[in-house]
Amino acid sequence: MGHTGSAPIVLDYATQHPRGLNEVFCISPVLNTGEAVPAPLRLLLRILSKVSPRLTIDVGRRFDAQANCISRDPAFVKFILDDQFRNTKITPRWFTESESAMQRVMNQAADLQVPLLILIGGADRNSSPGTTKLV
């Protein structure tokens, strides 16, 4: 099961190692950073991935500002924001590796050999329904 940013990793794994998997389930998979991350920031993260791959960047303020886009249910949004295991930190290397996984998923989606269920909301600001439909 993959949700948002972890979905490309789950889908990439499923295309590479389908044995032993019964099915794959993803919620709002992010499969294209182009809509959510401005081009100059993507370029900067790619450069930083080479020179300072472990630099920790906290995206919590941006995430919190968009938290109401997660769900229309205020109780669920509060649950996500209060989750003690919520991680809002990324590294440039995580970003570039996630982008690579997204590209592999888009290139190899037709090769997926396990049943796949994807749930995505039409008003989701984190993942593109149009890109997800290509999978």
Protein backbone atom coordinates (compact mmCIF):
# COMPACT_ATOMS: atom_id res chain seq x y z
CA MET A 1 0.00 0.00 0.00
CA GLY A 2 1.36 3.39 -0.94
CA HIS A 3 0.01 6.83 -0.13
CA THR A 4 1.00 10.02 -1.97
CA GLY A 5 4.81 10.19 -1.93
CA SER A 6 5.37 6.54 -1.03
CA ALA A 7 3.14 5.31 -3.89
CA PRO A 8 5.85 5.61 -6.60
CA ILE A 9 8.14 3.44 -4.49
CA VAL A 10 5.42 0.83 -4.01
CA LEU A 11 4.51 0.85 -7.72
CA ASP A 12 8.17 0.73 -8.76
CA TYR A 13 8.72 -2.27 -6.48
CA ALA A 14 5.61 -3.99 -7.83
CA THR A 15 6.79 -3.64 -11.45
CA GLN A 16 10.29 -4.92 -10.58
CA HIS A 17 9.36 -7.68 -8.08
CA PRO A 18 5.78 -8.88 -8.68
CA ARG A 19 6.34 -12.36 -7.20
CA GLY A 20 4.79 -12.71 -3.80
CA LEU A 21 2.46 -9.74 -4.26
CA ASN A 22 -1.27 -10.41 -4.35
CA GLU A 23 -2.30 -6.86 -5.17
CA VAL A 24 -1.19 -3.22 -4.95
CA PHE A 25 -3.27 -0.44 -3.47
CA CYS A 26 -2.37 3.26 -3.79
CA ILE A 27 -4.06 6.40 -2.56
CA SER A 28 -3.39 9.67 -4.39
CA PRO A 29 -0.08 8.56 -5.92
CA VAL A 30 2.29 11.37 -6.83
CA LEU A 31 3.65 10.35 -10.23
CA ASN A 32 4.75 13.74 -11.53
CA THR A 33 6.43 16.47 -9.50
CA GLY A 34 5.99 19.00 -12.31
CA GLU A 35 2.64 20.23 -11.07
CA ALA A 36 3.43 20.39 -7.35
CA VAL A 37 7.07 21.54 -7.35
CA PRO A 38 8.08 24.63 -9.37
CA ALA A 39 10.76 24.02 -12.02
CA PRO A 40 13.43 26.19 -10.33
CA LEU A 41 13.00 24.27 -7.07
CA ARG A 42 13.21 20.92 -8.89
CA LEU A 43 16.46 22.07 -10.53
CA LEU A 44 17.87 23.22 -7.19
CA LEU A 45 16.99 19.89 -5.55
CA ARG A 46 18.69 17.99 -8.39
CA ILE A 47 21.86 20.05 -7.92
CA LEU A 48 21.74 19.64 -4.15
CA SER A 49 21.29 15.90 -4.60
CA LYS A 50 24.77 15.79 -6.11
CA VAL A 51 26.53 18.18 -3.71
CA SER A 52 24.60 17.75 -0.45
CA PRO A 53 22.33 14.69 -0.78
CA ARG A 54 21.61 14.40 2.96
CA LEU A 55 20.61 18.03 3.52
CA THR A 56 17.39 17.89 5.52
CA ILE A 57 14.56 20.13 4.36
CA ASP A 58 11.41 20.45 6.46
CA VAL A 59 8.36 20.86 4.21
CA GLY A 60 5.98 20.78 7.16
CA ARG A 61 4.87 24.40 6.87
CA ARG A 62 3.91 23.93 3.23
CA PHE A 63 2.20 20.63 4.04
CA ASP A 64 0.30 22.14 6.96
CA ALA A 65 -0.85 25.06 4.78
CA GLN A 66 -2.38 22.58 2.32
CA ALA A 67 -3.65 20.11 4.92
CA ASN A 68 -7.29 20.89 4.18
CA CYS A 69 -6.73 19.44 0.70
CA ILE A 70 -6.10 16.01 2.21
CA SER A 71 -9.75 15.41 3.02
CA ARG A 72 -13.06 17.18 3.40
CA ASP A 73 -13.39 15.52 6.78
CA PRO A 74 -11.94 17.91 9.43
CA ALA A 75 -11.50 15.05 11.91
CA PHE A 76 -9.33 13.13 9.44
CA VAL A 77 -7.24 16.23 8.66
CA LYS A 78 -6.71 16.73 12.41
CA PHE A 79 -5.76 13.06 12.74
CA ILE A 80 -3.10 13.43 10.01
CA LEU A 81 -1.71 16.65 11.47
CA ASP A 82 -1.56 15.18 14.98
CA ASP A 83 0.02 11.89 13.88
CA GLN A 84 3.18 11.42 15.95
CA PHE A 85 4.78 9.41 13.11
CA ARG A 86 4.12 12.03 10.42
CA ASN A 87 7.32 12.89 8.59
CA THR A 88 7.62 16.29 6.94
CA LYS A 89 11.34 16.15 6.23
CA ILE A 90 12.89 15.33 2.88
CA THR A 91 16.40 15.29 1.46
CA PRO A 92 17.49 16.26 -2.05
CA ARG A 93 18.49 12.62 -2.67
CA TRP A 94 15.06 11.39 -1.59
CA PHE A 95 13.53 13.84 -4.06
CA THR A 96 15.68 12.78 -7.02
CA GLU A 97 15.25 9.07 -6.25
CA SER A 98 11.48 9.57 -5.98
CA GLU A 99 11.48 11.34 -9.35
CA SER A 100 13.42 8.42 -10.85
CA ALA A 101 10.90 5.96 -9.41
CA MET A 102 8.04 8.04 -10.84
CA GLN A 103 9.64 7.95 -14.29
CA ARG A 104 10.20 4.18 -14.12
CA VAL A 105 6.58 3.66 -13.06
CA MET A 106 5.29 5.76 -15.95
CA ASN A 107 7.56 3.90 -18.42
CA GLN A 108 6.75 0.42 -17.10
CA ALA A 109 3.13 0.72 -15.99
CA ALA A 110 1.98 -1.58 -18.80
CA ASP A 111 4.28 -4.30 -17.41
CA LEU A 112 2.60 -4.38 -13.99
CA GLN A 113 1.57 -7.99 -13.39
CA VAL A 114 -0.45 -7.67 -10.19
CA PRO A 115 -3.93 -6.25 -9.67
CA LEU A 116 -3.84 -2.54 -8.91
CA LEU A 117 -6.38 -0.33 -7.18
CA ILE A 118 -5.78 3.41 -7.18
CA LEU A 119 -7.97 5.86 -5.27
CA ILE A 120 -7.66 9.52 -6.12
CA GLY A 121 -9.86 12.52 -5.57
CA GLY A 122 -10.62 14.80 -8.48
CA ALA A 123 -9.76 17.88 -6.40
CA ASP A 124 -6.49 16.45 -5.07
CA ARG A 125 -3.75 19.11 -5.17
CA ASN A 126 -0.88 16.72 -4.44
CA SER A 127 -1.35 14.21 -7.21
CA SER A 128 -2.61 14.68 -10.71
CA PRO A 129 -5.69 12.64 -11.64
CA GLY A 130 -4.66 13.02 -15.31
CA THR A 131 -1.19 11.58 -14.75
CA THR A 132 -2.57 8.79 -12.56
CA LYS A 133 -4.98 7.73 -15.32
CA LEU A 134 -1.96 7.06 -17.56
CA VAL A 135 -0.93 4.23 -15.24
